Amino acid sequence: FKIINDSLGHDIGDLLLSEIASRLRLNL
């Protein structure tokens, strides 16, 4: 995550976190 956040920016990092949360919700 840190590499993604540092290289692509915090906006993409936030989108990734939101998508991770969505996948966790859908699979539990």
mmCIF file of all heavy atoms, coordinates in Angstrom:
data_MODEL
# 
_entry.id   MODEL 
# 
loop_
_atom_site.group_PDB 
_atom_site.id 
_atom_site.type_symbol 
_atom_site.label_atom_id 
_atom_site.label_alt_id 
_atom_site.label_comp_id 
_atom_site.label_asym_id 
_atom_site.label_entity_id 
_atom_site.label_seq_id 
_atom_site.pdbx_PDB_ins_code 
_atom_site.Cartn_x 
_atom_site.Cartn_y 
_atom_site.Cartn_z 
_atom_site.occupancy 
_atom_site.B_iso_or_equiv 
_atom_site.pdbx_formal_charge 
_atom_site.auth_seq_id 
_atom_site.auth_comp_id 
_atom_site.auth_asym_id 
_atom_site.auth_atom_id 
_atom_site.pdbx_PDB_model_num 
ATOM 1   N N   . PHE A 1 1  ? 0.816   -1.215  0.000  1.00 0.00 ? 1  PHE A N   1 
ATOM 2   C CA  . PHE A 1 1  ? 0.000   0.000   0.000  1.00 0.00 ? 1  PHE A CA  1 
ATOM 3   C C   . PHE A 1 1  ? 0.851   1.267   0.000  1.00 0.00 ? 1  PHE A C   1 
ATOM 4   O O   . PHE A 1 1  ? 0.556   2.218   -0.719 1.00 0.00 ? 1  PHE A O   1 
ATOM 5   C CB  . PHE A 1 1  ? -0.942  0.005   1.211  1.00 0.00 ? 1  PHE A CB  1 
ATOM 6   C CG  . PHE A 1 1  ? -1.777  1.255   1.282  1.00 0.00 ? 1  PHE A CG  1 
ATOM 7   C CD1 . PHE A 1 1  ? -2.838  1.439   0.429  1.00 0.00 ? 1  PHE A CD1 1 
ATOM 8   C CD2 . PHE A 1 1  ? -1.466  2.262   2.189  1.00 0.00 ? 1  PHE A CD2 1 
ATOM 9   C CE1 . PHE A 1 1  ? -3.605  2.602   0.477  1.00 0.00 ? 1  PHE A CE1 1 
ATOM 10  C CE2 . PHE A 1 1  ? -2.220  3.414   2.244  1.00 0.00 ? 1  PHE A CE2 1 
ATOM 11  C CZ  . PHE A 1 1  ? -3.291  3.584   1.383  1.00 0.00 ? 1  PHE A CZ  1 
ATOM 12  N N   . LYS A 1 2  ? 1.909   1.287   0.788  1.00 0.00 ? 2  LYS A N   1 
ATOM 13  C CA  . LYS A 1 2  ? 2.730   2.505   0.876  1.00 0.00 ? 2  LYS A CA  1 
ATOM 14  C C   . LYS A 1 2  ? 3.346   2.844   -0.484 1.00 0.00 ? 2  LYS A C   1 
ATOM 15  O O   . LYS A 1 2  ? 3.396   4.008   -0.892 1.00 0.00 ? 2  LYS A O   1 
ATOM 16  C CB  . LYS A 1 2  ? 3.833   2.339   1.921  1.00 0.00 ? 2  LYS A CB  1 
ATOM 17  C CG  . LYS A 1 2  ? 4.617   3.625   2.177  1.00 0.00 ? 2  LYS A CG  1 
ATOM 18  C CD  . LYS A 1 2  ? 5.637   3.445   3.278  1.00 0.00 ? 2  LYS A CD  1 
ATOM 19  C CE  . LYS A 1 2  ? 6.291   4.786   3.638  1.00 0.00 ? 2  LYS A CE  1 
ATOM 20  N NZ  . LYS A 1 2  ? 6.894   5.464   2.492  1.00 0.00 ? 2  LYS A NZ  1 
ATOM 21  N N   . ILE A 1 3  ? 3.796   1.823   -1.201 1.00 0.00 ? 3  ILE A N   1 
ATOM 22  C CA  . ILE A 1 3  ? 4.382   2.065   -2.525 1.00 0.00 ? 3  ILE A CA  1 
ATOM 23  C C   . ILE A 1 3  ? 3.333   2.642   -3.466 1.00 0.00 ? 3  ILE A C   1 
ATOM 24  O O   . ILE A 1 3  ? 3.594   3.600   -4.206 1.00 0.00 ? 3  ILE A O   1 
ATOM 25  C CB  . ILE A 1 3  ? 4.954   0.751   -3.094 1.00 0.00 ? 3  ILE A CB  1 
ATOM 26  C CG1 . ILE A 1 3  ? 6.110   0.257   -2.223 1.00 0.00 ? 3  ILE A CG1 1 
ATOM 27  C CG2 . ILE A 1 3  ? 5.407   0.934   -4.534 1.00 0.00 ? 3  ILE A CG2 1 
ATOM 28  C CD1 . ILE A 1 3  ? 6.636   -1.103  -2.623 1.00 0.00 ? 3  ILE A CD1 1 
ATOM 29  N N   . ILE A 1 4  ? 2.132   2.069   -3.422 1.00 0.00 ? 4  ILE A N   1 
ATOM 30  C CA  . ILE A 1 4  ? 1.049   2.551   -4.288 1.00 0.00 ? 4  ILE A CA  1 
ATOM 31  C C   . ILE A 1 4  ? 0.676   3.983   -3.916 1.00 0.00 ? 4  ILE A C   1 
ATOM 32  O O   . ILE A 1 4  ? 0.522   4.850   -4.782 1.00 0.00 ? 4  ILE A O   1 
ATOM 33  C CB  . ILE A 1 4  ? -0.169  1.621   -4.166 1.00 0.00 ? 4  ILE A CB  1 
ATOM 34  C CG1 . ILE A 1 4  ? 0.164   0.243   -4.730 1.00 0.00 ? 4  ILE A CG1 1 
ATOM 35  C CG2 . ILE A 1 4  ? -1.387  2.215   -4.876 1.00 0.00 ? 4  ILE A CG2 1 
ATOM 36  C CD1 . ILE A 1 4  ? -0.847  -0.816  -4.398 1.00 0.00 ? 4  ILE A CD1 1 
ATOM 37  N N   . ASN A 1 5  ? 0.557   4.242   -2.632 1.00 0.00 ? 5  ASN A N   1 
ATOM 38  C CA  . ASN A 1 5  ? 0.168   5.567   -2.153 1.00 0.00 ? 5  ASN A CA  1 
ATOM 39  C C   . ASN A 1 5  ? 1.220   6.610   -2.528 1.00 0.00 ? 5  ASN A C   1 
ATOM 40  O O   . ASN A 1 5  ? 0.887   7.719   -2.963 1.00 0.00 ? 5  ASN A O   1 
ATOM 41  C CB  . ASN A 1 5  ? -0.015  5.515   -0.631 1.00 0.00 ? 5  ASN A CB  1 
ATOM 42  C CG  . ASN A 1 5  ? -1.048  6.509   -0.133 1.00 0.00 ? 5  ASN A CG  1 
ATOM 43  O OD1 . ASN A 1 5  ? -2.046  6.767   -0.804 1.00 0.00 ? 5  ASN A OD1 1 
ATOM 44  N ND2 . ASN A 1 5  ? -0.817  7.054   1.038  1.00 0.00 ? 5  ASN A ND2 1 
ATOM 45  N N   . ASP A 1 6  ? 2.495   6.253   -2.358 1.00 0.00 ? 6  ASP A N   1 
ATOM 46  C CA  . ASP A 1 6  ? 3.580   7.208   -2.642 1.00 0.00 ? 6  ASP A CA  1 
ATOM 47  C C   . ASP A 1 6  ? 3.774   7.433   -4.136 1.00 0.00 ? 6  ASP A C   1 
ATOM 48  O O   . ASP A 1 6  ? 4.099   8.543   -4.561 1.00 0.00 ? 6  ASP A O   1 
ATOM 49  C CB  . ASP A 1 6  ? 4.889   6.713   -2.022 1.00 0.00 ? 6  ASP A CB  1 
ATOM 50  C CG  . ASP A 1 6  ? 4.866   6.753   -0.499 1.00 0.00 ? 6  ASP A CG  1 
ATOM 51  O OD1 . ASP A 1 6  ? 3.953   7.401   0.056  1.00 0.00 ? 6  ASP A OD1 1 
ATOM 52  O OD2 . ASP A 1 6  ? 5.750   6.143   0.123  1.00 0.00 ? 6  ASP A OD2 1 
ATOM 53  N N   . SER A 1 7  ? 3.586   6.383   -4.943 1.00 0.00 ? 7  SER A N   1 
ATOM 54  C CA  . SER A 1 7  ? 3.865   6.507   -6.369 1.00 0.00 ? 7  SER A CA  1 
ATOM 55  C C   . SER A 1 7  ? 2.684   7.040   -7.173 1.00 0.00 ? 7  SER A C   1 
ATOM 56  O O   . SER A 1 7  ? 2.866   7.819   -8.119 1.00 0.00 ? 7  SER A O   1 
ATOM 57  C CB  . SER A 1 7  ? 4.312   5.154   -6.940 1.00 0.00 ? 7  SER A CB  1 
ATOM 58  O OG  . SER A 1 7  ? 3.292   4.179   -6.758 1.00 0.00 ? 7  SER A OG  1 
ATOM 59  N N   . LEU A 1 8  ? 1.469   6.640   -6.818 1.00 0.00 ? 8  LEU A N   1 
ATOM 60  C CA  . LEU A 1 8  ? 0.285   7.046   -7.586 1.00 0.00 ? 8  LEU A CA  1 
ATOM 61  C C   . LEU A 1 8  ? -0.498  8.173   -6.938 1.00 0.00 ? 8  LEU A C   1 
ATOM 62  O O   . LEU A 1 8  ? -1.400  8.744   -7.563 1.00 0.00 ? 8  LEU A O   1 
ATOM 63  C CB  . LEU A 1 8  ? -0.643  5.842   -7.789 1.00 0.00 ? 8  LEU A CB  1 
ATOM 64  C CG  . LEU A 1 8  ? -0.039  4.649   -8.539 1.00 0.00 ? 8  LEU A CG  1 
ATOM 65  C CD1 . LEU A 1 8  ? -1.075  3.549   -8.704 1.00 0.00 ? 8  LEU A CD1 1 
ATOM 66  C CD2 . LEU A 1 8  ? 0.520   5.070   -9.894 1.00 0.00 ? 8  LEU A CD2 1 
ATOM 67  N N   . GLY A 1 9  ? -0.198  8.493   -5.674 1.00 0.00 ? 9  GLY A N   1 
ATOM 68  C CA  . GLY A 1 9  ? -0.863  9.605   -5.007 1.00 0.00 ? 9  GLY A CA  1 
ATOM 69  C C   . GLY A 1 9  ? -1.915  9.144   -4.022 1.00 0.00 ? 9  GLY A C   1 
ATOM 70  O O   . GLY A 1 9  ? -2.434  8.020   -4.088 1.00 0.00 ? 9  GLY A O   1 
ATOM 71  N N   . HIS A 1 10 ? -2.260  10.037  -3.104 1.00 0.00 ? 10 HIS A N   1 
ATOM 72  C CA  . HIS A 1 10 ? -3.195  9.694   -2.038 1.00 0.00 ? 10 HIS A CA  1 
ATOM 73  C C   . HIS A 1 10 ? -4.617  9.488   -2.554 1.00 0.00 ? 10 HIS A C   1 
ATOM 74  O O   . HIS A 1 10 ? -5.384  8.729   -1.957 1.00 0.00 ? 10 HIS A O   1 
ATOM 75  C CB  . HIS A 1 10 ? -3.180  10.790  -0.968 1.00 0.00 ? 10 HIS A CB  1 
ATOM 76  C CG  . HIS A 1 10 ? -1.887  10.866  -0.209 1.00 0.00 ? 10 HIS A CG  1 
ATOM 77  N ND1 . HIS A 1 10 ? -1.555  9.960   0.763  1.00 0.00 ? 10 HIS A ND1 1 
ATOM 78  C CD2 . HIS A 1 10 ? -0.829  11.714  -0.310 1.00 0.00 ? 10 HIS A CD2 1 
ATOM 79  C CE1 . HIS A 1 10 ? -0.357  10.254  1.257  1.00 0.00 ? 10 HIS A CE1 1 
ATOM 80  N NE2 . HIS A 1 10 ? 0.096   11.310  0.614  1.00 0.00 ? 10 HIS A NE2 1 
ATOM 81  N N   . ASP A 1 11 ? -4.981  10.140  -3.660 1.00 0.00 ? 11 ASP A N   1 
ATOM 82  C CA  . ASP A 1 11 ? -6.323  9.939   -4.205 1.00 0.00 ? 11 ASP A CA  1 
ATOM 83  C C   . ASP A 1 11 ? -6.510  8.488   -4.636 1.00 0.00 ? 11 ASP A C   1 
ATOM 84  O O   . ASP A 1 11 ? -7.551  7.871   -4.359 1.00 0.00 ? 11 ASP A O   1 
ATOM 85  C CB  . ASP A 1 11 ? -6.566  10.876  -5.391 1.00 0.00 ? 11 ASP A CB  1 
ATOM 86  C CG  . ASP A 1 11 ? -6.721  12.328  -4.965 1.00 0.00 ? 11 ASP A CG  1 
ATOM 87  O OD1 . ASP A 1 11 ? -6.916  12.555  -3.754 1.00 0.00 ? 11 ASP A OD1 1 
ATOM 88  O OD2 . ASP A 1 11 ? -6.629  13.214  -5.829 1.00 0.00 ? 11 ASP A OD2 1 
ATOM 89  N N   . ILE A 1 12 ? -5.507  7.945   -5.315 1.00 0.00 ? 12 ILE A N   1 
ATOM 90  C CA  . ILE A 1 12 ? -5.579  6.544   -5.743 1.00 0.00 ? 12 ILE A CA  1 
ATOM 91  C C   . ILE A 1 12 ? -5.506  5.637   -4.526 1.00 0.00 ? 12 ILE A C   1 
ATOM 92  O O   . ILE A 1 12 ? -6.204  4.616   -4.451 1.00 0.00 ? 12 ILE A O   1 
ATOM 93  C CB  . ILE A 1 12 ? -4.444  6.213   -6.734 1.00 0.00 ? 12 ILE A CB  1 
ATOM 94  C CG1 . ILE A 1 12 ? -4.589  7.069   -7.998 1.00 0.00 ? 12 ILE A CG1 1 
ATOM 95  C CG2 . ILE A 1 12 ? -4.443  4.732   -7.079 1.00 0.00 ? 12 ILE A CG2 1 
ATOM 96  C CD1 . ILE A 1 12 ? -5.881  6.829   -8.751 1.00 0.00 ? 12 ILE A CD1 1 
ATOM 97  N N   . GLY A 1 13 ? -4.681  6.025   -3.539 1.00 0.00 ? 13 GLY A N   1 
ATOM 98  C CA  . GLY A 1 13 ? -4.605  5.242   -2.308 1.00 0.00 ? 13 GLY A CA  1 
ATOM 99  C C   . GLY A 1 13 ? -5.950  5.175   -1.603 1.00 0.00 ? 13 GLY A C   1 
ATOM 100 O O   . GLY A 1 13 ? -6.359  4.114   -1.111 1.00 0.00 ? 13 GLY A O   1 
ATOM 101 N N   . ASP A 1 14 ? -6.667  6.308   -1.562 1.00 0.00 ? 14 ASP A N   1 
ATOM 102 C CA  . ASP A 1 14 ? -7.997  6.326   -0.933 1.00 0.00 ? 14 ASP A CA  1 
ATOM 103 C C   . ASP A 1 14 ? -8.990  5.469   -1.711 1.00 0.00 ? 14 ASP A C   1 
ATOM 104 O O   . ASP A 1 14 ? -9.825  4.776   -1.117 1.00 0.00 ? 14 ASP A O   1 
ATOM 105 C CB  . ASP A 1 14 ? -8.509  7.766   -0.837 1.00 0.00 ? 14 ASP A CB  1 
ATOM 106 C CG  . ASP A 1 14 ? -7.779  8.578   0.222  1.00 0.00 ? 14 ASP A CG  1 
ATOM 107 O OD1 . ASP A 1 14 ? -7.035  7.975   1.019  1.00 0.00 ? 14 ASP A OD1 1 
ATOM 108 O OD2 . ASP A 1 14 ? -7.949  9.815   0.242  1.00 0.00 ? 14 ASP A OD2 1 
ATOM 109 N N   . LEU A 1 15 ? -8.902  5.524   -3.049 1.00 0.00 ? 15 LEU A N   1 
ATOM 110 C CA  . LEU A 1 15 ? -9.786  4.681   -3.859 1.00 0.00 ? 15 LEU A CA  1 
ATOM 111 C C   . LEU A 1 15 ? -9.512  3.201   -3.597 1.00 0.00 ? 15 LEU A C   1 
ATOM 112 O O   . LEU A 1 15 ? -10.442 2.389   -3.532 1.00 0.00 ? 15 LEU A O   1 
ATOM 113 C CB  . LEU A 1 15 ? -9.593  4.993   -5.344 1.00 0.00 ? 15 LEU A CB  1 
ATOM 114 C CG  . LEU A 1 15 ? -10.171 6.312   -5.859 1.00 0.00 ? 15 LEU A CG  1 
ATOM 115 C CD1 . LEU A 1 15 ? -9.788  6.527   -7.317 1.00 0.00 ? 15 LEU A CD1 1 
ATOM 116 C CD2 . LEU A 1 15 ? -11.685 6.331   -5.710 1.00 0.00 ? 15 LEU A CD2 1 
ATOM 117 N N   . LEU A 1 16 ? -8.242  2.876   -3.444 1.00 0.00 ? 16 LEU A N   1 
ATOM 118 C CA  . LEU A 1 16 ? -7.878  1.485   -3.156 1.00 0.00 ? 16 LEU A CA  1 
ATOM 119 C C   . LEU A 1 16 ? -8.455  1.038   -1.819 1.00 0.00 ? 16 LEU A C   1 
ATOM 120 O O   . LEU A 1 16 ? -9.026  -0.058  -1.706 1.00 0.00 ? 16 LEU A O   1 
ATOM 121 C CB  . LEU A 1 16 ? -6.361  1.329   -3.157 1.00 0.00 ? 16 LEU A CB  1 
ATOM 122 C CG  . LEU A 1 16 ? -5.827  -0.054  -2.752 1.00 0.00 ? 16 LEU A CG  1 
ATOM 123 C CD1 . LEU A 1 16 ? -6.361  -1.135  -3.689 1.00 0.00 ? 16 LEU A CD1 1 
ATOM 124 C CD2 . LEU A 1 16 ? -4.294  -0.051  -2.750 1.00 0.00 ? 16 LEU A CD2 1 
ATOM 125 N N   . LEU A 1 17 ? -8.342  1.882   -0.805 1.00 0.00 ? 17 LEU A N   1 
ATOM 126 C CA  . LEU A 1 17 ? -8.891  1.533   0.509  1.00 0.00 ? 17 LEU A CA  1 
ATOM 127 C C   . LEU A 1 17 ? -10.404 1.349   0.446  1.00 0.00 ? 17 LEU A C   1 
ATOM 128 O O   . LEU A 1 17 ? -10.951 0.430   1.069  1.00 0.00 ? 17 LEU A O   1 
ATOM 129 C CB  . LEU A 1 17 ? -8.529  2.613   1.526  1.00 0.00 ? 17 LEU A CB  1 
ATOM 130 C CG  . LEU A 1 17 ? -7.042  2.728   1.884  1.00 0.00 ? 17 LEU A CG  1 
ATOM 131 C CD1 . LEU A 1 17 ? -6.800  3.954   2.755  1.00 0.00 ? 17 LEU A CD1 1 
ATOM 132 C CD2 . LEU A 1 17 ? -6.553  1.469   2.597  1.00 0.00 ? 17 LEU A CD2 1 
ATOM 133 N N   . SER A 1 18 ? -11.080 2.198   -0.291 1.00 0.00 ? 18 SER A N   1 
ATOM 134 C CA  . SER A 1 18 ? -12.536 2.076   -0.433 1.00 0.00 ? 18 SER A CA  1 
ATOM 135 C C   . SER A 1 18 ? -12.908 0.784   -1.152 1.00 0.00 ? 18 SER A C   1 
ATOM 136 O O   . SER A 1 18 ? -13.880 0.107   -0.791 1.00 0.00 ? 18 SER A O   1 
ATOM 137 C CB  . SER A 1 18 ? -13.098 3.281   -1.194 1.00 0.00 ? 18 SER A CB  1 
ATOM 138 O OG  . SER A 1 18 ? -12.882 4.483   -0.469 1.00 0.00 ? 18 SER A OG  1 
ATOM 139 N N   . GLU A 1 19 ? -12.138 0.430   -2.166 1.00 0.00 ? 19 GLU A N   1 
ATOM 140 C CA  . GLU A 1 19 ? -12.406 -0.799  -2.903 1.00 0.00 ? 19 GLU A CA  1 
ATOM 141 C C   . GLU A 1 19 ? -12.133 -2.033  -2.046 1.00 0.00 ? 19 GLU A C   1 
ATOM 142 O O   . GLU A 1 19 ? -12.872 -3.024  -2.089 1.00 0.00 ? 19 GLU A O   1 
ATOM 143 C CB  . GLU A 1 19 ? -11.561 -0.843  -4.176 1.00 0.00 ? 19 GLU A CB  1 
ATOM 144 C CG  . GLU A 1 19 ? -11.769 -2.078  -5.027 1.00 0.00 ? 19 GLU A CG  1 
ATOM 145 C CD  . GLU A 1 19 ? -13.187 -2.222  -5.566 1.00 0.00 ? 19 GLU A CD  1 
ATOM 146 O OE1 . GLU A 1 19 ? -13.885 -1.198  -5.660 1.00 0.00 ? 19 GLU A OE1 1 
ATOM 147 O OE2 . GLU A 1 19 ? -13.580 -3.360  -5.873 1.00 0.00 ? 19 GLU A OE2 1 
ATOM 148 N N   . ILE A 1 20 ? -11.079 -1.964  -1.237 1.00 0.00 ? 20 ILE A N   1 
ATOM 149 C CA  . ILE A 1 20 ? -10.785 -3.061  -0.305 1.00 0.00 ? 20 ILE A CA  1 
ATOM 150 C C   . ILE A 1 20 ? -11.938 -3.247  0.672  1.00 0.00 ? 20 ILE A C   1 
ATOM 151 O O   . ILE A 1 20 ? -12.386 -4.372  0.922  1.00 0.00 ? 20 ILE A O   1 
ATOM 152 C CB  . ILE A 1 20 ? -9.471  -2.779  0.454  1.00 0.00 ? 20 ILE A CB  1 
ATOM 153 C CG1 . ILE A 1 20 ? -8.266  -2.920  -0.486 1.00 0.00 ? 20 ILE A CG1 1 
ATOM 154 C CG2 . ILE A 1 20 ? -9.318  -3.734  1.642  1.00 0.00 ? 20 ILE A CG2 1 
ATOM 155 C CD1 . ILE A 1 20 ? -6.979  -2.381  0.099  1.00 0.00 ? 20 ILE A CD1 1 
ATOM 156 N N   . ALA A 1 21 ? -12.438 -2.141  1.222  1.00 0.00 ? 21 ALA A N   1 
ATOM 157 C CA  . ALA A 1 21 ? -13.567 -2.210  2.149  1.00 0.00 ? 21 ALA A CA  1 
ATOM 158 C C   . ALA A 1 21 ? -14.785 -2.841  1.479  1.00 0.00 ? 21 ALA A C   1 
ATOM 159 O O   . ALA A 1 21 ? -15.492 -3.657  2.085  1.00 0.00 ? 21 ALA A O   1 
ATOM 160 C CB  . ALA A 1 21 ? -13.909 -0.812  2.668  1.00 0.00 ? 21 ALA A CB  1 
ATOM 161 N N   . SER A 1 22 ? -15.037 -2.475  0.229  1.00 0.00 ? 22 SER A N   1 
ATOM 162 C CA  . SER A 1 22 ? -16.176 -3.020  -0.497 1.00 0.00 ? 22 SER A CA  1 
ATOM 163 C C   . SER A 1 22 ? -16.028 -4.526  -0.688 1.00 0.00 ? 22 SER A C   1 
ATOM 164 O O   . SER A 1 22 ? -16.992 -5.285  -0.512 1.00 0.00 ? 22 SER A O   1 
ATOM 165 C CB  . SER A 1 22 ? -16.301 -2.324  -1.854 1.00 0.00 ? 22 SER A CB  1 
ATOM 166 O OG  . SER A 1 22 ? -17.362 -2.871  -2.606 1.00 0.00 ? 22 SER A OG  1 
ATOM 167 N N   . ARG A 1 23 ? -14.835 -4.982  -1.029 1.00 0.00 ? 23 ARG A N   1 
ATOM 168 C CA  . ARG A 1 23 ? -14.626 -6.424  -1.235 1.00 0.00 ? 23 ARG A CA  1 
ATOM 169 C C   . ARG A 1 23 ? -14.803 -7.192  0.075  1.00 0.00 ? 23 ARG A C   1 
ATOM 170 O O   . ARG A 1 23 ? -15.345 -8.301  0.080  1.00 0.00 ? 23 ARG A O   1 
ATOM 171 C CB  . ARG A 1 23 ? -13.232 -6.678  -1.808 1.00 0.00 ? 23 ARG A CB  1 
ATOM 172 C CG  . ARG A 1 23 ? -13.066 -6.188  -3.225 1.00 0.00 ? 23 ARG A CG  1 
ATOM 173 C CD  . ARG A 1 23 ? -11.754 -6.649  -3.829 1.00 0.00 ? 23 ARG A CD  1 
ATOM 174 N NE  . ARG A 1 23 ? -11.531 -6.066  -5.142 1.00 0.00 ? 23 ARG A NE  1 
ATOM 175 C CZ  . ARG A 1 23 ? -10.526 -6.361  -5.951 1.00 0.00 ? 23 ARG A CZ  1 
ATOM 176 N NH1 . ARG A 1 23 ? -9.628  -7.266  -5.562 1.00 0.00 ? 23 ARG A NH1 1 
ATOM 177 N NH2 . ARG A 1 23 ? -10.394 -5.785  -7.120 1.00 0.00 ? 23 ARG A NH2 1 
ATOM 178 N N   . LEU A 1 24 ? -14.340 -6.618  1.167  1.00 0.00 ? 24 LEU A N   1 
ATOM 179 C CA  . LEU A 1 24 ? -14.498 -7.290  2.455  1.00 0.00 ? 24 LEU A CA  1 
ATOM 180 C C   . LEU A 1 24 ? -15.977 -7.403  2.816  1.00 0.00 ? 24 LEU A C   1 
ATOM 181 O O   . LEU A 1 24 ? -16.437 -8.435  3.312  1.00 0.00 ? 24 LEU A O   1 
ATOM 182 C CB  . LEU A 1 24 ? -13.734 -6.530  3.539  1.00 0.00 ? 24 LEU A CB  1 
ATOM 183 C CG  . LEU A 1 24 ? -12.203 -6.578  3.436  1.00 0.00 ? 24 LEU A CG  1 
ATOM 184 C CD1 . LEU A 1 24 ? -11.572 -5.671  4.484  1.00 0.00 ? 24 LEU A CD1 1 
ATOM 185 C CD2 . LEU A 1 24 ? -11.686 -8.004  3.596  1.00 0.00 ? 24 LEU A CD2 1 
ATOM 186 N N   . ARG A 1 25 ? -16.744 -6.341  2.578  1.00 0.00 ? 25 ARG A N   1 
ATOM 187 C CA  . ARG A 1 25 ? -18.187 -6.362  2.875  1.00 0.00 ? 25 ARG A CA  1 
ATOM 188 C C   . ARG A 1 25 ? -18.886 -7.448  2.045  1.00 0.00 ? 25 ARG A C   1 
ATOM 189 O O   . ARG A 1 25 ? -19.712 -8.204  2.555  1.00 0.00 ? 25 ARG A O   1 
ATOM 190 C CB  . ARG A 1 25 ? -18.817 -5.007  2.534  1.00 0.00 ? 25 ARG A CB  1 
ATOM 191 C CG  . ARG A 1 25 ? -18.722 -3.950  3.604  1.00 0.00 ? 25 ARG A CG  1 
ATOM 192 C CD  . ARG A 1 25 ? -19.758 -2.886  3.315  1.00 0.00 ? 25 ARG A CD  1 
ATOM 193 N NE  . ARG A 1 25 ? -19.585 -1.706  4.154  1.00 0.00 ? 25 ARG A NE  1 
ATOM 194 C CZ  . ARG A 1 25 ? -18.938 -0.626  3.785  1.00 0.00 ? 25 ARG A CZ  1 
ATOM 195 N NH1 . ARG A 1 25 ? -18.366 -0.555  2.596  1.00 0.00 ? 25 ARG A NH1 1 
ATOM 196 N NH2 . ARG A 1 25 ? -18.837 0.417   4.593  1.00 0.00 ? 25 ARG A NH2 1 
ATOM 197 N N   . LEU A 1 26 ? -18.565 -7.494  0.759  1.00 0.00 ? 26 LEU A N   1 
ATOM 198 C CA  . LEU A 1 26 ? -19.257 -8.398  -0.147 1.00 0.00 ? 26 LEU A CA  1 
ATOM 199 C C   . LEU A 1 26 ? -18.954 -9.866  0.148  1.00 0.00 ? 26 LEU A C   1 
ATOM 200 O O   . LEU A 1 26 ? -19.750 -10.742 -0.193 1.00 0.00 ? 26 LEU A O   1 
ATOM 201 C CB  . LEU A 1 26 ? -18.869 -8.082  -1.598 1.00 0.00 ? 26 LEU A CB  1 
ATOM 202 C CG  . LEU A 1 26 ? -19.407 -6.772  -2.173 1.00 0.00 ? 26 LEU A CG  1 
ATOM 203 C CD1 . LEU A 1 26 ? -18.806 -6.502  -3.539 1.00 0.00 ? 26 LEU A CD1 1 
ATOM 204 C CD2 . LEU A 1 26 ? -20.935 -6.816  -2.258 1.00 0.00 ? 26 LEU A CD2 1 
ATOM 205 N N   . ASN A 1 27 ? -17.821 -10.124 0.772  1.00 0.00 ? 27 ASN A N   1 
ATOM 206 C CA  . ASN A 1 27 ? -17.392 -11.505 0.971  1.00 0.00 ? 27 ASN A CA  1 
ATOM 207 C C   . ASN A 1 27 ? -17.555 -11.998 2.397  1.00 0.00 ? 27 ASN A C   1 
ATOM 208 O O   . ASN A 1 27 ? -17.060 -13.072 2.736  1.00 0.00 ? 27 ASN A O   1 
ATOM 209 C CB  . ASN A 1 27 ? -15.939 -11.658 0.524  1.00 0.00 ? 27 ASN A CB  1 
ATOM 210 C CG  . ASN A 1 27 ? -15.802 -11.668 -0.978 1.00 0.00 ? 27 ASN A CG  1 
ATOM 211 O OD1 . ASN A 1 27 ? -15.947 -12.688 -1.616 1.00 0.00 ? 27 ASN A OD1 1 
ATOM 212 N ND2 . ASN A 1 27 ? -15.550 -10.485 -1.554 1.00 0.00 ? 27 ASN A ND2 1 
ATOM 213 N N   . LEU A 1 28 ? -18.238 -11.210 3.233  1.00 0.00 ? 28 LEU A N   1 
ATOM 214 C CA  . LEU A 1 28 ? -18.473 -11.618 4.613  1.00 0.00 ? 28 LEU A CA  1 
ATOM 215 C C   . LEU A 1 28 ? -19.912 -11.289 4.999  1.00 0.00 ? 28 LEU A C   1 
ATOM 216 O O   . LEU A 1 28 ? -20.534 -10.387 4.426  1.00 0.00 ? 28 LEU A O   1 
ATOM 217 C CB  . LEU A 1 28 ? -17.515 -10.897 5.571  1.00 0.00 ? 28 LEU A CB  1 
ATOM 218 C CG  . LEU A 1 28 ? -16.042 -11.286 5.471  1.00 0.00 ? 28 LEU A CG  1 
ATOM 219 C CD1 . LEU A 1 28 ? -15.202 -10.294 6.252  1.00 0.00 ? 28 LEU A CD1 1 
ATOM 220 C CD2 . LEU A 1 28 ? -15.806 -12.696 5.983  1.00 0.00 ? 28 LEU A CD2 1 
# 
